[in-house]
Protein backbone atom coordinates (compact mmCIF):
# COMPACT_ATOMS: atom_id res chain seq x y z
CA MET A 1 120.67 -61.33 102.91
CA ALA A 2 118.11 -63.93 103.95
CA ARG A 3 114.43 -62.90 103.79
CA ALA A 4 112.55 -63.15 107.05
CA THR A 5 109.46 -65.37 107.09
CA PRO A 6 106.40 -64.39 109.13
CA SER A 7 105.93 -66.34 112.30
CA ASN A 8 102.11 -66.44 112.13
CA THR A 9 101.86 -68.52 108.92
CA TRP A 10 98.79 -70.82 109.08
CA THR A 11 99.31 -74.53 108.69
CA LYS A 12 96.84 -77.41 108.88
CA PRO A 13 96.83 -78.85 112.37
CA ALA A 14 98.29 -82.31 112.36
CA GLY A 15 95.99 -85.11 113.49
CA ARG A 16 92.91 -82.91 113.99
CA PRO A 17 89.73 -84.05 112.15
CA ILE A 18 88.03 -81.65 109.72
CA ALA A 19 84.70 -80.33 111.02
CA GLY A 20 81.62 -80.66 108.80
CA LYS A 21 79.50 -83.32 107.14
CA PRO A 22 81.15 -85.10 104.22
CA ILE A 23 79.18 -85.14 100.97
CA PRO A 24 79.29 -88.47 99.16
CA ARG A 25 80.14 -88.49 95.46
CA PRO A 26 77.01 -89.18 93.39
CA THR A 27 76.93 -92.40 91.50
CA ARG A 28 76.56 -91.99 87.73
CA SER A 29 75.98 -94.78 85.31
CA ALA A 30 77.93 -95.16 82.11
CA ASP A 31 75.13 -93.83 79.89
CA VAL A 32 74.79 -90.68 82.02
CA GLN A 33 78.50 -90.02 81.94
CA ALA A 34 78.60 -90.51 78.16
CA TYR A 35 75.81 -87.90 77.55
CA ILE A 36 74.64 -89.91 74.54
CA PRO A 37 71.04 -90.46 75.67
CA GLU A 38 70.59 -86.76 76.47
CA MET A 39 72.08 -85.79 73.11
CA VAL A 40 69.62 -88.12 71.38
CA LYS A 41 66.72 -86.58 73.32
CA GLY A 42 67.83 -83.06 72.37
CA LEU A 43 68.20 -83.97 68.69
CA GLY A 44 64.75 -85.58 68.82
CA ILE A 45 63.17 -82.36 70.06
CA THR A 46 65.04 -80.36 67.41
CA MET A 47 63.91 -82.64 64.57
CA LYS A 48 60.35 -82.60 65.87
CA HIS A 49 60.16 -78.82 65.61
CA PHE A 50 62.02 -78.87 62.28
CA PHE A 51 59.50 -81.15 60.56
CA LYS A 52 56.54 -79.40 62.19
CA ASN A 53 57.68 -75.96 61.07
CA THR A 54 58.56 -77.23 57.59
CA LYS A 55 55.08 -78.71 57.19
CA GLU A 56 53.45 -75.43 58.26
CA MET A 57 55.54 -73.44 55.78
CA VAL A 58 54.84 -75.85 52.89
CA LEU A 59 51.09 -76.02 53.56
CA GLY A 60 50.75 -72.30 54.25
CA GLN A 61 49.86 -72.81 57.91
CA LYS A 62 52.64 -70.57 59.24
CA PRO A 63 51.47 -68.14 61.96
CA ASP A 64 51.22 -64.52 60.97
CA PRO A 65 54.51 -62.91 62.11
CA VAL A 66 52.75 -59.64 62.97
CA LEU A 67 49.42 -60.71 64.46
CA ASN A 68 50.63 -63.98 65.99
CA ALA A 69 54.16 -63.07 66.95
CA LEU A 70 53.90 -64.88 70.30
CA GLU A 71 52.34 -68.07 68.95
CA PRO A 72 54.39 -71.29 68.80
CA GLY A 73 56.02 -72.02 65.48
CA VAL A 74 58.04 -69.96 63.01
CA THR A 75 57.09 -66.30 63.46
CA THR A 76 60.11 -64.84 61.69
CA ILE A 77 59.38 -62.33 58.91
CA SER A 78 60.82 -63.76 55.68
CA TYR A 79 61.95 -60.51 54.06
CA PRO A 80 61.50 -59.50 51.26
CA GLU A 81 58.66 -61.96 50.60
CA GLU A 82 57.07 -60.81 53.86
CA LYS A 83 57.21 -57.26 55.13
CA ARG A 84 56.15 -55.71 58.40
CA PRO A 85 53.47 -53.07 57.81
CA TYR A 86 54.85 -49.59 58.31
CA PRO A 87 52.81 -46.75 59.87
CA GLU A 88 51.31 -44.13 57.60
CA ARG A 89 53.82 -41.49 58.71
CA PHE A 90 56.83 -43.72 58.00
CA ARG A 91 59.52 -41.77 56.14
CA GLY A 92 60.82 -44.08 53.43
CA ILE A 93 62.66 -43.75 50.14
CA HIS A 94 62.15 -40.42 48.40
CA ARG A 95 60.16 -39.90 45.22
CA LEU A 96 59.57 -36.98 42.90
CA THR A 97 55.93 -36.21 42.19
CA LEU A 98 54.80 -35.63 38.63
CA ARG A 99 52.45 -33.35 36.82
CA GLU A 100 49.66 -34.77 34.72
CA ASP A 101 51.93 -34.59 31.66
CA ASN A 102 54.50 -36.77 33.52
CA SER A 103 56.96 -33.90 33.87
CA PRO A 104 58.61 -33.36 37.26
CA ARG A 105 56.76 -31.02 39.59
CA CYS A 106 60.08 -29.79 40.96
CA VAL A 107 60.87 -26.15 40.11
CA ALA A 108 64.57 -26.44 41.05
CA CYS A 109 64.30 -23.80 43.78
CA LEU A 110 66.99 -25.63 45.82
CA CYS A 111 64.94 -25.33 49.03
CA CYS A 112 65.23 -29.05 49.77
CA SER A 113 68.98 -29.20 49.20
CA THR A 114 69.43 -26.10 51.35
CA ALA A 115 67.34 -27.49 54.23
CA CYS A 116 69.01 -30.92 54.11
CA PRO A 117 71.25 -31.28 57.19
CA ALA A 118 73.15 -34.20 55.65
CA GLN A 119 73.72 -32.38 52.32
CA CYS A 120 72.75 -35.49 50.40
CA ILE A 121 70.68 -33.71 47.71
CA ALA A 122 72.30 -32.25 44.58
CA ILE A 123 70.23 -30.38 42.00
CA GLU A 124 71.22 -28.80 38.68
CA PRO A 125 68.51 -26.32 37.60
CA ALA A 126 67.72 -25.63 33.94
CA GLU A 127 65.44 -23.25 32.04
CA TYR A 128 62.46 -24.34 29.97
CA PRO A 129 62.87 -23.85 26.21
CA ASP A 130 61.46 -20.86 24.39
CA GLY A 131 57.75 -21.13 23.73
CA ASP A 132 56.99 -23.06 26.91
CA ARG A 133 54.42 -21.30 29.08
CA ARG A 134 56.59 -21.95 32.14
CA LYS A 135 59.53 -20.10 30.59
CA GLY A 136 60.50 -17.22 32.86
CA TYR A 137 58.33 -18.37 35.76
CA GLU A 138 60.03 -21.48 36.98
CA ARG A 139 62.85 -23.87 36.23
CA TYR A 140 63.13 -27.63 36.18
CA PRO A 141 65.86 -29.98 37.47
CA SER A 142 68.06 -31.26 34.69
CA SER A 143 69.74 -33.39 37.35
CA PHE A 144 68.31 -34.42 40.72
CA VAL A 145 70.43 -36.77 42.84
CA ILE A 146 69.87 -38.08 46.38
CA ASP A 147 72.48 -40.10 48.24
CA GLU A 148 70.25 -42.46 50.20
CA LEU A 149 73.23 -43.84 52.09
CA ARG A 150 74.02 -40.40 53.46
CA CYS A 151 70.41 -39.39 54.08
CA VAL A 152 69.24 -39.30 57.72
CA PHE A 153 65.53 -39.49 56.74
CA CYS A 154 64.61 -36.42 58.77
CA GLY A 155 61.95 -35.25 56.32
CA PHE A 156 63.24 -31.66 56.18
CA CYS A 157 63.31 -31.75 52.38
CA VAL A 158 59.61 -32.62 52.25
CA GLU A 159 58.72 -29.81 54.64
CA ALA A 160 60.85 -27.27 52.78
CA CYS A 161 59.48 -27.97 49.29
CA PRO A 162 57.00 -25.21 48.29
CA VAL A 163 55.37 -27.20 45.48
CA ASP A 164 55.10 -30.66 47.09
CA ALA A 165 57.56 -32.06 44.55
CA ILE A 166 59.43 -34.43 46.87
CA ARG A 167 57.77 -36.89 49.21
CA MET A 168 58.80 -39.83 51.40
CA ASP A 169 55.53 -41.79 51.29
CA THR A 170 56.73 -44.74 49.21
CA GLY A 171 56.64 -47.08 52.22
CA LEU A 172 60.03 -48.46 51.15
CA HIS A 173 63.42 -48.44 52.81
CA ALA A 174 66.80 -48.71 51.16
CA VAL A 175 67.64 -52.30 50.35
CA PRO A 176 71.06 -53.68 51.36
CA TYR A 177 72.98 -53.04 48.16
CA ASP A 178 76.54 -54.23 47.70
CA SER A 179 77.97 -50.99 46.25
CA ARG A 180 77.70 -47.30 47.07
CA GLU A 181 76.71 -46.39 43.52
CA GLN A 182 73.44 -48.28 43.93
CA PHE A 183 72.45 -45.94 46.76
CA ILE A 184 72.67 -42.92 44.44
CA TYR A 185 69.07 -42.26 43.37
CA ARG A 186 68.90 -40.06 40.27
CA ARG A 187 66.01 -38.15 38.75
CA ASP A 188 64.60 -40.88 36.51
CA LEU A 189 64.56 -43.40 39.34
CA LEU A 190 62.99 -40.93 41.76
CA MET A 191 60.30 -40.11 39.20
CA SER A 192 59.50 -43.80 38.66
CA LEU A 193 58.65 -44.43 42.31
CA SER A 194 55.07 -44.13 43.57
CA ASP A 195 53.27 -43.89 46.85
CA ARG A 196 51.62 -46.85 48.58
CA SER A 197 48.51 -46.55 46.43
CA GLY A 198 50.57 -46.66 43.22
CA SER A 199 50.08 -42.99 42.32
CA ARG A 200 53.01 -40.86 41.18
CA LEU A 201 51.07 -37.59 41.37
CA THR A 202 50.74 -35.29 44.35
CA ALA A 203 47.77 -35.04 46.66
CA ASN A 204 48.10 -31.24 46.73
CA THR A 205 46.75 -29.88 43.46
CA ARG A 206 48.87 -27.00 42.22
CA HIS A 207 47.53 -24.46 39.74
CA GLU A 208 50.05 -23.91 36.98
CA PRO A 209 50.80 -20.48 35.45
CA GLY A 210 48.43 -19.88 32.56
CA ASP A 211 45.57 -21.93 34.00
CA PRO A 212 42.30 -20.06 34.59
CA THR A 213 42.45 -21.04 38.26
CA HIS A 214 46.01 -19.79 38.77
CA PRO A 215 45.92 -17.26 41.64
CA GLY A 216 48.83 -15.14 40.36
CA LEU A 217 49.68 -13.27 37.21
CA SER A 218 50.85 -15.03 34.08
CA ARG A 219 52.69 -13.71 31.06
CA ASP A 220 49.37 -13.24 29.22
CA HIS A 221 47.70 -11.32 32.05
CA ALA A 222 50.59 -9.07 33.05
CA ASP A 223 50.84 -5.46 31.85
CA HIS A 224 54.47 -5.80 30.75
């Protein structure tokens, strides 16, 4: 069955001139059509900035990427040689504070691992040996592990710690390692980190059991 064609199909009228003003084709020379002169001009500008920026970097005249971020020239921060200053309240890589005898201040109460929403803290508590004045009063972490890749840096562990044993005031962030194992921060590594001033102690002085300034009872002062 033949398909019917519409009778109102538009066709160009024969012999009728097209209305409107014709636009002449612009005349372009051979060098314009080849784009070679413009390419040379663009490469010239690129090389000009390249040598200028190289000279500033070699002579130490590079603009400060923080204070002069909008100045002409290279204002890119060359990490890790250059670092953007972090605010004082920046929550960075964790560290374990130490006592004056370089022992961990942590008492293995598990408050930080309990408060952690990401469950990235694992602690194995242990008892002090017989004869230690802290025996029976507190424990210490035989193993303290933080998975920095899983951490959300919320700071809940710092707030939950009753003895100010864990802090996030190192001013550092996790570097881009190439394996997951390198993001596992264990006790010795956490104890080796310091705050921005280089101190590994805590700013909150804690009176140890047995000290004359200890507010509670010790084994020597108790009646039992």
